[in-house]
C-alpha cells in the first residue's frame, strides 16, 4: 500500500483500554469543577433534540466577541485551542522552516512541527526552571519563521509579564517572525495580552474553554488575530467549526462565565496557597502560574509509590534534568486535595 514514508517515524499513542477510572487522575491539568457542577440545568431536552441538525456557530461568535472584547472578524472558533495551534503551523510553516519554542512545553508543538517537516529550535530552561527574556530574544533570528510561547507554560508554570511580551512582540516584528501566544492558562494569570493583537499584525493568540471555563471534554477553543491572519486560518477549518453539542455548551458557558471562572480560579488559588504554606518532609513547593501544583521531592520514588498506592496519578517521570524528581497534579475538589495534602504531610 502506498503512503507517505515520512509518517513512519511519527509516533502517536495507540488506542488501548486503560484503568484510569479506578484512579484519581490529576495528570492532565483539567479544571477543578465542570461547568455542569456549577450551573444546574445547563443542557435541556430541547438542546439534545437539536443534535439532529448541523451547528450554526454565528450566535456563539457574537457571544464570544463580547466575552473576549474583540470584533467577530478577529476570531476563529476551533476544536480546542489545539486545532487553532495546528492551523498556525500549517499556514505559516513550510518544509525546513525554523520554528522556535520552549522545551518543555505543550507536547503537540513537536507533533505539528514534525508533520510540517519544520526545523525545531528549542529554548532550554536553566537548572532552576527559569528562562530569561534575553535568552528568548537571542534565540529568535531572521531565520525564525514562527515563535510559539505557551504563557503560562506547561509543565513548568513559568510566565512572562505584559512588558516582556511586548518586547518579544517588537523583536519578532523586526525579525519577520510570526508570534503565536498560546494562552490555555490565561484565566489563572493576571494579565490580558489582547492589546498586543490590536498593536501588532503578526501576533496570534489561542485560548480555550478547557481550563478555567470547565468544559475540557467539549473541545472548544479559539484564535484571536488580525482579520487577515484569521482569514488564512479559516481556509483550513472543516465545514463546521465545532459540533452542535459543543456549540450549545460553549454559549451557555459564556452566559455563566463569571460564576464558573470564580469557582475554578478561587479553588486553584486556595489550594496553591495551602500547599505552598504546608510543612512537608522532603518536598519543596515550586511557584507556578498555571492551574496545577508542582512539587519537587527529595525521595521521589517513595513519594511516587505512596501516591500510586493510594490510587492517585500525578504527572510523573519528567525527562528534563531540571524537572527530575518533580511531580505535578491538577487541583480538584476539597476532599481530594485534603487527601493528597495529608498523605504528603504525614509521610516521613
C-alpha atoms as a PDB file:
ATOM      1  CA  UNK A   1       0.000   0.000   0.000  1.00  0.00           C
ATOM      2  CA  UNK A   2       1.313   3.432  -0.915  1.00  0.00           C
ATOM      3  CA  UNK A   3       1.513   6.052   1.847  1.00  0.00           C
ATOM      4  CA  UNK A   4       3.849   8.802   2.939  1.00  0.00           C
ATOM      5  CA  UNK A   5       7.046   7.181   4.266  1.00  0.00           C
ATOM      6  CA  UNK A   6       7.604  10.360   6.187  1.00  0.00           C
ATOM      7  CA  UNK A   7       4.935   9.208   8.640  1.00  0.00           C
ATOM      8  CA  UNK A   8       6.896   6.070   9.599  1.00  0.00           C
ATOM      9  CA  UNK A   9       8.841   7.999  12.220  1.00  0.00           C
ATOM     10  CA  UNK A  10       5.816   9.868  13.549  1.00  0.00           C
ATOM     11  CA  UNK A  11       4.748   8.321  16.863  1.00  0.00           C
ATOM     12  CA  UNK A  12       1.242   8.713  18.200  1.00  0.00           C
ATOM     13  CA  UNK A  13      -0.163   6.641  21.088  1.00  0.00           C
ATOM     14  CA  UNK A  14      -2.109   3.529  20.151  1.00  0.00           C
ATOM     15  CA  UNK A  15      -5.759   3.129  21.066  1.00  0.00           C
ATOM     16  CA  UNK A  16      -5.970   0.989  24.175  1.00  0.00           C
ATOM     17  CA  UNK A  17      -8.250   0.375  27.100  1.00  0.00           C
ATOM     18  CA  UNK A  18      -6.995   1.886  30.362  1.00  0.00           C
ATOM     19  CA  UNK A  19      -7.934   1.511  34.006  1.00  0.00           C
ATOM     20  CA  UNK A  20      -7.897   5.245  34.714  1.00  0.00           C
ATOM     21  CA  UNK A  21     -11.431   5.066  36.063  1.00  0.00           C
ATOM     22  CA  UNK A  22     -10.020   3.216  39.085  1.00  0.00           C
ATOM     23  CA  UNK A  23      -7.674   6.111  39.949  1.00  0.00           C
ATOM     24  CA  UNK A  24      -7.866   9.778  40.867  1.00  0.00           C
ATOM     25  CA  UNK A  25      -6.266  11.117  37.696  1.00  0.00           C
ATOM     26  CA  UNK A  26      -4.603  14.503  38.152  1.00  0.00           C
ATOM     27  CA  UNK A  27      -2.048  14.387  35.331  1.00  0.00           C
ATOM     28  CA  UNK A  28      -3.804  16.320  32.543  1.00  0.00           C
ATOM     29  CA  UNK A  29      -4.309  19.824  34.027  1.00  0.00           C
ATOM     30  CA  UNK A  30      -8.075  19.524  33.926  1.00  0.00           C
ATOM     31  CA  UNK A  31     -10.223  22.076  35.812  1.00  0.00           C
ATOM     32  CA  UNK A  32     -11.331  21.521  39.429  1.00  0.00           C
ATOM     33  CA  UNK A  33     -15.015  21.712  38.521  1.00  0.00           C
ATOM     34  CA  UNK A  34     -17.066  21.169  35.414  1.00  0.00           C
ATOM     35  CA  UNK A  35     -19.349  23.976  34.336  1.00  0.00           C
ATOM     36  CA  UNK A  36     -22.108  21.426  34.969  1.00  0.00           C
ATOM     37  CA  UNK A  37     -21.070  21.215  38.644  1.00  0.00           C
ATOM     38  CA  UNK A  38     -21.507  24.958  38.986  1.00  0.00           C
ATOM     39  CA  UNK A  39     -24.596  25.697  36.868  1.00  0.00           C
ATOM     40  CA  UNK A  40     -27.706  23.486  37.142  1.00  0.00           C
ATOM     41  CA  UNK A  41     -29.711  22.621  34.058  1.00  0.00           C
ATOM     42  CA  UNK A  42     -27.025  23.643  31.601  1.00  0.00           C
ATOM     43  CA  UNK A  43     -28.375  21.239  28.963  1.00  0.00           C
ATOM     44  CA  UNK A  44     -32.099  20.792  28.241  1.00  0.00           C
ATOM     45  CA  UNK A  45     -34.131  18.224  26.310  1.00  0.00           C
ATOM     46  CA  UNK A  46     -34.553  20.742  23.505  1.00  0.00           C
ATOM     47  CA  UNK A  47     -30.753  21.041  23.315  1.00  0.00           C
ATOM     48  CA  UNK A  48     -30.435  17.271  22.941  1.00  0.00           C
ATOM     49  CA  UNK A  49     -33.142  17.205  20.255  1.00  0.00           C
ATOM     50  CA  UNK A  50     -31.234  19.875  18.325  1.00  0.00           C
ATOM     51  CA  UNK A  51     -28.429  17.383  17.697  1.00  0.00           C
ATOM     52  CA  UNK A  52     -30.449  16.348  14.658  1.00  0.00           C
ATOM     53  CA  UNK A  53     -29.176  19.434  12.820  1.00  0.00           C
ATOM     54  CA  UNK A  54     -25.751  20.737  11.910  1.00  0.00           C
ATOM     55  CA  UNK A  55     -24.442  23.552  14.122  1.00  0.00           C
ATOM     56  CA  UNK A  56     -24.775  27.224  13.242  1.00  0.00           C
ATOM     57  CA  UNK A  57     -21.955  28.951  15.165  1.00  0.00           C
ATOM     58  CA  UNK A  58     -22.831  32.591  14.471  1.00  0.00           C
ATOM     59  CA  UNK A  59     -24.562  33.162  17.823  1.00  0.00           C
ATOM     60  CA  UNK A  60     -21.515  31.698  19.562  1.00  0.00           C
ATOM     61  CA  UNK A  61     -19.247  34.073  17.617  1.00  0.00           C
ATOM     62  CA  UNK A  62     -21.373  37.005  18.789  1.00  0.00           C
ATOM     63  CA  UNK A  63     -21.239  35.905  22.426  1.00  0.00           C
ATOM     64  CA  UNK A  64     -17.509  35.144  22.229  1.00  0.00           C
ATOM     65  CA  UNK A  65     -16.828  38.530  20.631  1.00  0.00           C
ATOM     66  CA  UNK A  66     -18.438  40.307  23.589  1.00  0.00           C
ATOM     67  CA  UNK A  67     -16.812  37.956  26.117  1.00  0.00           C
ATOM     68  CA  UNK A  68     -13.292  38.479  24.741  1.00  0.00           C
ATOM     69  CA  UNK A  69     -13.767  42.141  23.819  1.00  0.00           C
ATOM     70  CA  UNK A  70     -12.819  41.974  20.169  1.00  0.00           C
ATOM     71  CA  UNK A  71     -14.612  42.066  16.809  1.00  0.00           C
ATOM     72  CA  UNK A  72     -16.004  38.859  15.295  1.00  0.00           C
ATOM     73  CA  UNK A  73     -13.698  39.223  12.301  1.00  0.00           C
ATOM     74  CA  UNK A  74     -10.738  38.752  14.660  1.00  0.00           C
ATOM     75  CA  UNK A  75     -11.947  35.343  15.936  1.00  0.00           C
ATOM     76  CA  UNK A  76     -11.886  31.744  14.758  1.00  0.00           C
ATOM     77  CA  UNK A  77     -13.579  29.057  16.853  1.00  0.00           C
ATOM     78  CA  UNK A  78     -11.808  25.689  16.744  1.00  0.00           C
ATOM     79  CA  UNK A  79     -11.955  22.179  18.194  1.00  0.00           C
ATOM     80  CA  UNK A  80      -9.942  23.049  21.268  1.00  0.00           C
ATOM     81  CA  UNK A  81      -7.067  25.528  21.094  1.00  0.00           C
ATOM     82  CA  UNK A  82      -5.019  22.555  19.876  1.00  0.00           C
ATOM     83  CA  UNK A  83      -6.667  22.768  16.461  1.00  0.00           C
ATOM     84  CA  UNK A  84      -6.055  26.518  16.290  1.00  0.00           C
ATOM     85  CA  UNK A  85      -2.365  25.879  17.018  1.00  0.00           C
ATOM     86  CA  UNK A  86      -2.237  23.191  14.346  1.00  0.00           C
ATOM     87  CA  UNK A  87      -3.736  25.617  11.817  1.00  0.00           C
ATOM     88  CA  UNK A  88      -0.977  28.145  12.610  1.00  0.00           C
ATOM     89  CA  UNK A  89       1.689  25.519  11.915  1.00  0.00           C
ATOM     90  CA  UNK A  90       0.030  24.521   8.648  1.00  0.00           C
ATOM     91  CA  UNK A  91      -0.500  28.081   7.405  1.00  0.00           C
ATOM     92  CA  UNK A  92       2.811  29.668   8.334  1.00  0.00           C
ATOM     93  CA  UNK A  93       5.391  26.846   8.119  1.00  0.00           C
ATOM     94  CA  UNK A  94       6.793  25.106   5.055  1.00  0.00           C
ATOM     95  CA  UNK A  95       9.324  22.292   4.929  1.00  0.00           C
ATOM     96  CA  UNK A  96      12.661  23.212   6.570  1.00  0.00           C
ATOM     97  CA  UNK A  97      11.291  26.450   8.042  1.00  0.00           C
ATOM     98  CA  UNK A  98      12.540  27.204  11.547  1.00  0.00           C
ATOM     99  CA  UNK A  99      10.098  27.158  14.464  1.00  0.00           C
ATOM    100  CA  UNK A 100      11.212  28.204  17.964  1.00  0.00           C
ATOM    101  CA  UNK A 101       9.673  27.351  21.344  1.00  0.00           C
ATOM    102  CA  UNK A 102      10.488  26.499  24.932  1.00  0.00           C
ATOM    103  CA  UNK A 103      11.457  22.984  25.961  1.00  0.00           C
ATOM    104  CA  UNK A 104       9.480  21.516  27.626  1.00  0.00           C
ATOM    105  CA  UNK A 105       6.147  22.949  26.540  1.00  0.00           C
ATOM    106  CA  UNK A 106       2.861  21.728  25.053  1.00  0.00           C
ATOM    107  CA  UNK A 107       3.640  18.288  23.606  1.00  0.00           C
ATOM    108  CA  UNK A 108       1.710  18.832  20.373  1.00  0.00           C
ATOM    109  CA  UNK A 109       4.169  21.531  19.254  1.00  0.00           C
ATOM    110  CA  UNK A 110       6.625  18.745  18.418  1.00  0.00           C
ATOM    111  CA  UNK A 111       3.960  16.737  16.578  1.00  0.00           C
ATOM    112  CA  UNK A 112       2.832  19.650  14.420  1.00  0.00           C
ATOM    113  CA  UNK A 113       6.428  20.674  13.662  1.00  0.00           C
ATOM    114  CA  UNK A 114       7.210  17.130  12.538  1.00  0.00           C
ATOM    115  CA  UNK A 115       4.134  16.988  10.338  1.00  0.00           C
ATOM    116  CA  UNK A 116       5.188  20.209   8.597  1.00  0.00           C
ATOM    117  CA  UNK A 117       8.776  18.925   8.264  1.00  0.00           C
ATOM    118  CA  UNK A 118       9.939  22.067  10.029  1.00  0.00           C
ATOM    119  CA  UNK A 119      13.234  22.562  11.846  1.00  0.00           C
ATOM    120  CA  UNK A 120      12.778  22.986  15.595  1.00  0.00           C
ATOM    121  CA  UNK A 121      14.978  25.248  17.703  1.00  0.00           C
ATOM    122  CA  UNK A 122      14.428  24.589  21.397  1.00  0.00           C
ATOM    123  CA  UNK A 123      14.926  27.201  24.107  1.00  0.00           C
ATOM    124  CA  UNK A 124      16.077  25.226  27.136  1.00  0.00           C
ATOM    125  CA  UNK A 125      15.338  26.130  30.741  1.00  0.00           C
ATOM    126  CA  UNK A 126      18.043  26.701  33.331  1.00  0.00           C
ATOM    127  CA  UNK A 127      18.541  24.316  36.251  1.00  0.00           C
ATOM    128  CA  UNK A 128      16.317  26.496  38.454  1.00  0.00           C
ATOM    129  CA  UNK A 129      13.426  26.065  35.959  1.00  0.00           C
ATOM    130  CA  UNK A 130      13.681  29.607  34.619  1.00  0.00           C
ATOM    131  CA  UNK A 131      14.354  31.030  31.187  1.00  0.00           C
ATOM    132  CA  UNK A 132      15.407  34.640  30.693  1.00  0.00           C
ATOM    133  CA  UNK A 133      13.890  37.143  28.301  1.00  0.00           C
ATOM    134  CA  UNK A 134      17.355  37.722  26.800  1.00  0.00           C
ATOM    135  CA  UNK A 135      17.715  34.020  26.019  1.00  0.00           C
ATOM    136  CA  UNK A 136      14.352  34.042  24.252  1.00  0.00           C
ATOM    137  CA  UNK A 137      15.196  37.129  22.204  1.00  0.00           C
ATOM    138  CA  UNK A 138      18.609  35.753  21.232  1.00  0.00           C
ATOM    139  CA  UNK A 139      17.018  32.518  20.040  1.00  0.00           C
ATOM    140  CA  UNK A 140      14.679  34.269  17.609  1.00  0.00           C
ATOM    141  CA  UNK A 141      16.509  35.421  14.485  1.00  0.00           C
ATOM    142  CA  UNK A 142      15.698  36.384  10.899  1.00  0.00           C
ATOM    143  CA  UNK A 143      15.806  32.642  10.158  1.00  0.00           C
ATOM    144  CA  UNK A 144      12.888  32.007  12.508  1.00  0.00           C
ATOM    145  CA  UNK A 145       9.564  31.710  10.708  1.00  0.00           C
ATOM    146  CA  UNK A 146       7.419  31.019  13.778  1.00  0.00           C
ATOM    147  CA  UNK A 147       7.908  31.574  17.517  1.00  0.00           C
ATOM    148  CA  UNK A 148       5.491  29.938  19.952  1.00  0.00           C
ATOM    149  CA  UNK A 149       5.153  30.834  23.602  1.00  0.00           C
ATOM    150  CA  UNK A 150       2.804  28.988  25.931  1.00  0.00           C
ATOM    151  CA  UNK A 151       2.209  31.627  28.597  1.00  0.00           C
ATOM    152  CA  UNK A 152       1.919  30.418  31.318  1.00  0.00           C
ATOM    153  CA  UNK A 153       3.909  27.405  30.236  1.00  0.00           C
ATOM    154  CA  UNK A 154       3.113  23.761  30.920  1.00  0.00           C
ATOM    155  CA  UNK A 155       4.663  21.878  32.715  1.00  0.00           C
ATOM    156  CA  UNK A 156       6.949  24.497  34.264  1.00  0.00           C
ATOM    157  CA  UNK A 157       4.245  27.025  35.184  1.00  0.00           C
ATOM    158  CA  UNK A 158       6.572  29.877  34.222  1.00  0.00           C
ATOM    159  CA  UNK A 159       5.248  33.032  32.576  1.00  0.00           C
ATOM    160  CA  UNK A 160       6.315  36.330  31.041  1.00  0.00           C
ATOM    161  CA  UNK A 161       4.622  39.582  32.059  1.00  0.00           C
ATOM    162  CA  UNK A 162       2.962  42.033  29.690  1.00  0.00           C
ATOM    163  CA  UNK A 163       6.039  44.263  29.336  1.00  0.00           C
ATOM    164  CA  UNK A 164       8.176  41.234  28.434  1.00  0.00           C
ATOM    165  CA  UNK A 165       5.567  40.021  25.940  1.00  0.00           C
ATOM    166  CA  UNK A 166       5.611  43.426  24.281  1.00  0.00           C
ATOM    167  CA  UNK A 167       9.404  43.250  23.943  1.00  0.00           C
ATOM    168  CA  UNK A 168       9.086  39.799  22.374  1.00  0.00           C
ATOM    169  CA  UNK A 169       6.423  41.180  20.024  1.00  0.00           C
ATOM    170  CA  UNK A 170       8.704  44.022  18.925  1.00  0.00           C
ATOM    171  CA  UNK A 171      11.603  41.637  18.384  1.00  0.00           C
ATOM    172  CA  UNK A 172       9.566  39.128  16.363  1.00  0.00           C
ATOM    173  CA  UNK A 173       8.214  42.002  14.288  1.00  0.00           C
ATOM    174  CA  UNK A 174      11.779  43.061  13.498  1.00  0.00           C
ATOM    175  CA  UNK A 175      12.794  39.501  12.543  1.00  0.00           C
ATOM    176  CA  UNK A 176       9.618  38.992  10.474  1.00  0.00           C
ATOM    177  CA  UNK A 177       8.616  36.051  12.688  1.00  0.00           C
ATOM    178  CA  UNK A 178       5.012  35.043  13.369  1.00  0.00           C
ATOM    179  CA  UNK A 179       4.373  35.132  17.143  1.00  0.00           C
ATOM    180  CA  UNK A 180       1.894  32.533  18.430  1.00  0.00           C
ATOM    181  CA  UNK A 181       0.926  33.187  22.049  1.00  0.00           C
ATOM    182  CA  UNK A 182      -0.729  30.075  23.481  1.00  0.00           C
ATOM    183  CA  UNK A 183      -2.817  31.164  26.482  1.00  0.00           C
ATOM    184  CA  UNK A 184      -4.513  27.973  27.660  1.00  0.00           C
ATOM    185  CA  UNK A 185      -3.979  29.108  31.277  1.00  0.00           C
ATOM    186  CA  UNK A 186      -4.874  32.730  30.564  1.00  0.00           C
ATOM    187  CA  UNK A 187      -7.539  32.996  33.283  1.00  0.00           C
ATOM    188  CA  UNK A 188      -5.138  31.852  36.011  1.00  0.00           C
ATOM    189  CA  UNK A 189      -2.538  34.517  35.194  1.00  0.00           C
ATOM    190  CA  UNK A 190      -3.407  38.134  35.970  1.00  0.00           C
ATOM    191  CA  UNK A 191      -2.545  39.824  32.675  1.00  0.00           C
ATOM    192  CA  UNK A 192      -4.516  40.470  29.487  1.00  0.00           C
ATOM    193  CA  UNK A 193      -2.451  40.424  26.319  1.00  0.00           C
ATOM    194  CA  UNK A 194      -5.339  41.293  23.991  1.00  0.00           C
ATOM    195  CA  UNK A 195      -3.931  44.758  23.239  1.00  0.00           C
ATOM    196  CA  UNK A 196      -0.927  43.079  21.607  1.00  0.00           C
ATOM    197  CA  UNK A 197      -3.173  41.805  18.806  1.00  0.00           C
ATOM    198  CA  UNK A 198      -4.503  45.327  18.297  1.00  0.00           C
ATOM    199  CA  UNK A 199      -0.956  46.720  18.286  1.00  0.00           C
ATOM    200  CA  UNK A 200       0.881  44.133  16.164  1.00  0.00           C
ATOM    201  CA  UNK A 201      -0.184  42.427  12.932  1.00  0.00           C
ATOM    202  CA  UNK A 202       1.960  39.308  13.333  1.00  0.00           C
ATOM    203  CA  UNK A 203       0.560  38.007  16.649  1.00  0.00           C
ATOM    204  CA  UNK A 204      -1.941  35.164  17.030  1.00  0.00           C
ATOM    205  CA  UNK A 205      -3.371  34.297  20.451  1.00  0.00           C
ATOM    206  CA  UNK A 206      -5.007  30.937  21.188  1.00  0.00           C
ATOM    207  CA  UNK A 207      -7.295  30.331  24.176  1.00  0.00           C
ATOM    208  CA  UNK A 208      -9.540  27.514  25.361  1.00  0.00           C
ATOM    209  CA  UNK A 209     -12.714  26.581  27.247  1.00  0.00           C
ATOM    210  CA  UNK A 210     -10.889  23.547  28.677  1.00  0.00           C
ATOM    211  CA  UNK A 211      -9.307  25.028  31.794  1.00  0.00           C
ATOM    212  CA  UNK A 212     -10.960  27.710  33.945  1.00  0.00           C
ATOM    213  CA  UNK A 213     -14.216  27.548  31.947  1.00  0.00           C
ATOM    214  CA  UNK A 214     -14.623  23.926  32.970  1.00  0.00           C
ATOM    215  CA  UNK A 215     -15.531  22.011  29.783  1.00  0.00           C
ATOM    216  CA  UNK A 216     -12.357  20.254  28.630  1.00  0.00           C
ATOM    217  CA  UNK A 217     -14.409  17.412  27.167  1.00  0.00           C
ATOM    218  CA  UNK A 218     -16.383  19.738  24.889  1.00  0.00           C
ATOM    219  CA  UNK A 219     -13.194  20.567  22.939  1.00  0.00           C
ATOM    220  CA  UNK A 220     -13.783  24.254  22.296  1.00  0.00           C
ATOM    221  CA  UNK A 221     -11.036  26.788  21.685  1.00  0.00           C
ATOM    222  CA  UNK A 222     -10.408  29.859  19.581  1.00  0.00           C
ATOM    223  CA  UNK A 223      -7.798  32.006  17.873  1.00  0.00           C
ATOM    224  CA  UNK A 224      -7.547  35.814  18.086  1.00  0.00           C
ATOM    225  CA  UNK A 225      -5.645  37.806  15.489  1.00  0.00           C
ATOM    226  CA  UNK A 226      -5.964  40.315  12.673  1.00  0.00           C
ATOM    227  CA  UNK A 227      -8.704  39.885  10.105  1.00  0.00           C
ATOM    228  CA  UNK A 228      -6.069  38.874   7.553  1.00  0.00           C
ATOM    229  CA  UNK A 229      -4.497  36.169   9.755  1.00  0.00           C
ATOM    230  CA  UNK A 230      -7.892  34.800  10.780  1.00  0.00           C
ATOM    231  CA  UNK A 231      -8.824  34.659   7.092  1.00  0.00           C
ATOM    232  CA  UNK A 232      -5.787  32.485   6.422  1.00  0.00           C
ATOM    233  CA  UNK A 233      -6.521  30.158   9.343  1.00  0.00           C
ATOM    234  CA  UNK A 234     -10.161  29.913   8.296  1.00  0.00           C
ATOM    235  CA  UNK A 235      -9.083  28.334   4.996  1.00  0.00           C
ATOM    236  CA  UNK A 236      -8.204  25.184   6.983  1.00  0.00           C
ATOM    237  CA  UNK A 237     -11.347  24.896   9.080  1.00  0.00           C
ATOM    238  CA  UNK A 238     -13.697  21.931   8.493  1.00  0.00           C
ATOM    239  CA  UNK A 239     -17.278  22.535   7.347  1.00  0.00           C
ATOM    240  CA  UNK A 240     -18.341  23.052  10.951  1.00  0.00           C
ATOM    241  CA  UNK A 241     -16.047  24.713  13.459  1.00  0.00           C
ATOM    242  CA  UNK A 242     -17.313  22.508  16.315  1.00  0.00           C
ATOM    243  CA  UNK A 243     -20.151  20.028  16.809  1.00  0.00           C
ATOM    244  CA  UNK A 244     -23.669  21.044  17.809  1.00  0.00           C
ATOM    245  CA  UNK A 245     -23.421  19.921  21.437  1.00  0.00           C
ATOM    246  CA  UNK A 246     -20.161  21.806  21.933  1.00  0.00           C
ATOM    247  CA  UNK A 247     -21.722  24.823  20.243  1.00  0.00           C
ATOM    248  CA  UNK A 248     -24.629  24.764  22.731  1.00  0.00           C
ATOM    249  CA  UNK A 249     -22.384  24.188  25.749  1.00  0.00           C
ATOM    250  CA  UNK A 250     -19.960  26.974  24.794  1.00  0.00           C
ATOM    251  CA  UNK A 251     -22.767  29.539  24.506  1.00  0.00           C
ATOM    252  CA  UNK A 252     -24.174  28.611  27.905  1.00  0.00           C
ATOM    253  CA  UNK A 253     -20.719  28.632  29.478  1.00  0.00           C
ATOM    254  CA  UNK A 254     -20.185  32.197  28.251  1.00  0.00           C
ATOM    255  CA  UNK A 255     -23.592  33.204  29.647  1.00  0.00           C
ATOM    256  CA  UNK A 256     -22.477  31.880  33.072  1.00  0.00           C
ATOM    257  CA  UNK A 257     -18.757  32.619  32.756  1.00  0.00           C
ATOM    258  CA  UNK A 258     -18.445  34.811  35.865  1.00  0.00           C
ATOM    259  CA  UNK A 259     -19.682  32.064  38.201  1.00  0.00           C
ATOM    260  CA  UNK A 260     -17.670  29.330  36.512  1.00  0.00           C
ATOM    261  CA  UNK A 261     -14.438  31.320  36.456  1.00  0.00           C
ATOM    262  CA  UNK A 262     -14.788  32.447  40.067  1.00  0.00           C
ATOM    263  CA  UNK A 263     -15.353  28.889  41.295  1.00  0.00           C
ATOM    264  CA  UNK A 264     -12.458  27.298  39.398  1.00  0.00           C
ATOM    265  CA  UNK A 265      -9.931  30.101  39.860  1.00  0.00           C
ATOM    266  CA  UNK A 266     -10.611  30.514  43.584  1.00  0.00           C
ATOM    267  CA  UNK A 267     -10.300  26.738  44.089  1.00  0.00           C
ATOM    268  CA  UNK A 268      -6.919  26.647  42.361  1.00  0.00           C
ATOM    269  CA  UNK A 269      -5.628  29.691  44.245  1.00  0.00           C
ATOM    270  CA  UNK A 270      -6.815  28.320  47.582  1.00  0.00           C
ATOM    271  CA  UNK A 271      -5.030  25.010  47.215  1.00  0.00           C
ATOM    272  CA  UNK A 272      -1.869  26.546  45.787  1.00  0.00           C
ATOM    273  CA  UNK A 273      -1.642  28.656  48.937  1.00  0.00           C
ATOM    274  CA  UNK A 274      -2.315  25.679  51.218  1.00  0.00           C
ATOM    275  CA  UNK A 275       0.377  23.571  49.552  1.00  0.00           C
ATOM    276  CA  UNK A 276       2.844  26.454  49.493  1.00  0.00           C
ATOM    277  CA  UNK A 277       2.492  27.060  53.244  1.00  0.00           C
ATOM    278  CA  UNK A 278       2.278  23.374  54.278  1.00  0.00           C
ATOM    279  CA  UNK A 279       5.143  21.805  56.222  1.00  0.00           C
ATOM    280  CA  UNK A 280       6.341  18.798  54.225  1.00  0.00           C
ATOM    281  CA  UNK A 281       9.134  16.333  54.819  1.00  0.00           C
ATOM    282  CA  UNK A 282      11.468  16.166  51.813  1.00  0.00           C
ATOM    283  CA  UNK A 283       9.244  18.175  49.461  1.00  0.00           C
ATOM    284  CA  UNK A 284       9.738  21.640  48.003  1.00  0.00           C
ATOM    285  CA  UNK A 285       6.865  23.672  46.570  1.00  0.00           C
ATOM    286  CA  UNK A 286       7.551  25.355  43.202  1.00  0.00           C
ATOM    287  CA  UNK A 287       5.592  28.505  42.325  1.00  0.00           C
ATOM    288  CA  UNK A 288       3.636  28.280  39.073  1.00  0.00           C
ATOM    289  CA  UNK A 289       1.131  30.427  37.175  1.00  0.00           C
ATOM    290  CA  UNK A 290      -0.950  27.546  35.775  1.00  0.00           C
ATOM    291  CA  UNK A 291      -3.869  25.616  37.238  1.00  0.00           C
ATOM    292  CA  UNK A 292      -1.641  22.930  38.724  1.00  0.00           C
ATOM    293  CA  UNK A 293       0.656  22.278  41.680  1.00  0.00           C
ATOM    294  CA  UNK A 294       4.311  21.442  41.059  1.00  0.00           C
ATOM    295  CA  UNK A 295       6.367  19.781  43.801  1.00  0.00           C
ATOM    296  CA  UNK A 296       9.955  18.565  43.949  1.00  0.00           C
ATOM    297  CA  UNK A 297      10.735  15.525  46.069  1.00  0.00           C
ATOM    298  CA  UNK A 298      13.954  14.595  47.864  1.00  0.00           C
ATOM    299  CA  UNK A 299      12.810  10.947  47.946  1.00  0.00           C
ATOM    300  CA  UNK A 300      10.992  10.764  44.647  1.00  0.00           C
ATOM    301  CA  UNK A 301      10.475   7.018  44.262  1.00  0.00           C
ATOM    302  CA  UNK A 302       8.941   6.731  47.738  1.00  0.00           C
ATOM    303  CA  UNK A 303       6.578   9.637  47.124  1.00  0.00           C
ATOM    304  CA  UNK A 304       5.658   8.207  43.734  1.00  0.00           C
ATOM    305  CA  UNK A 305       4.889   4.829  45.316  1.00  0.00           C
ATOM    306  CA  UNK A 306       2.840   6.498  48.066  1.00  0.00           C
ATOM    307  CA  UNK A 307       0.626   8.329  45.581  1.00  0.00           C
ATOM    308  CA  UNK A 308       0.126   5.395  43.243  1.00  0.00           C
ATOM    309  CA  UNK A 309      -0.677   3.030  46.130  1.00  0.00           C
ATOM    310  CA  UNK A 310      -3.404   5.483  47.118  1.00  0.00           C
ATOM    311  CA  UNK A 311      -4.806   5.430  43.576  1.00  0.00           C
ATOM    312  CA  UNK A 312      -3.598   8.945  42.781  1.00  0.00           C
ATOM    313  CA  UNK A 313      -1.980   9.585  39.394  1.00  0.00           C
ATOM    314  CA  UNK A 314       0.034  12.815  39.138  1.00  0.00           C
ATOM    315  CA  UNK A 315       2.193  13.784  36.172  1.00  0.00           C
ATOM    316  CA  UNK A 316       5.457  11.985  36.896  1.00  0.00           C
ATOM    317  CA  UNK A 317       8.805  10.935  35.410  1.00  0.00           C
ATOM    318  CA  UNK A 318       9.724  14.138  33.571  1.00  0.00           C
ATOM    319  CA  UNK A 319      12.607  13.691  31.131  1.00  0.00           C
ATOM    320  CA  UNK A 320      14.260  17.078  31.665  1.00  0.00           C
ATOM    321  CA  UNK A 321      17.080  17.196  34.230  1.00  0.00           C
ATOM    322  CA  UNK A 322      15.717  20.358  35.881  1.00  0.00           C
ATOM    323  CA  UNK A 323      12.343  18.626  36.412  1.00  0.00           C
ATOM    324  CA  UNK A 324      13.892  15.442  37.733  1.00  0.00           C
ATOM    325  CA  UNK A 325      12.159  14.297  40.935  1.00  0.00           C
ATOM    326  CA  UNK A 326       9.211  16.621  40.284  1.00  0.00           C
ATOM    327  CA  UNK A 327       5.583  15.657  40.171  1.00  0.00           C
ATOM    328  CA  UNK A 328       2.680  17.815  39.084  1.00  0.00           C
ATOM    329  CA  UNK A 329      -1.022  17.459  39.698  1.00  0.00           C
ATOM    330  CA  UNK A 330      -4.228  19.263  38.869  1.00  0.00           C
ATOM    331  CA  UNK A 331      -6.341  20.860  41.588  1.00  0.00           C
ATOM    332  CA  UNK A 332      -9.616  19.042  42.210  1.00  0.00           C
ATOM    333  CA  UNK A 333     -12.327  19.190  44.892  1.00  0.00           C
ATOM    334  CA  UNK A 334     -11.563  19.802  48.586  1.00  0.00           C
ATOM    335  CA  UNK A 335     -11.859  16.153  49.644  1.00  0.00           C
ATOM    336  CA  UNK A 336      -9.334  15.026  47.041  1.00  0.00           C
ATOM    337  CA  UNK A 337      -6.903  17.842  47.799  1.00  0.00           C
ATOM    338  CA  UNK A 338      -7.193  17.219  51.555  1.00  0.00           C
ATOM    339  CA  UNK A 339      -6.341  13.577  50.975  1.00  0.00           C
ATOM    340  CA  UNK A 340      -3.217  14.422  48.961  1.00  0.00           C
ATOM    341  CA  UNK A 341      -2.081  17.145  51.349  1.00  0.00           C
ATOM    342  CA  UNK A 342      -2.457  14.935  54.405  1.00  0.00           C
ATOM    343  CA  UNK A 343      -0.736  11.979  52.719  1.00  0.00           C
ATOM    344  CA  UNK A 344       2.290  14.099  51.856  1.00  0.00           C
ATOM    345  CA  UNK A 345       2.426  15.886  55.227  1.00  0.00           C
ATOM    346  CA  UNK A 346       2.279  12.602  57.131  1.00  0.00           C
ATOM    347  CA  UNK A 347       4.958  10.960  55.030  1.00  0.00           C
ATOM    348  CA  UNK A 348       8.300  10.504  56.821  1.00  0.00           C
END
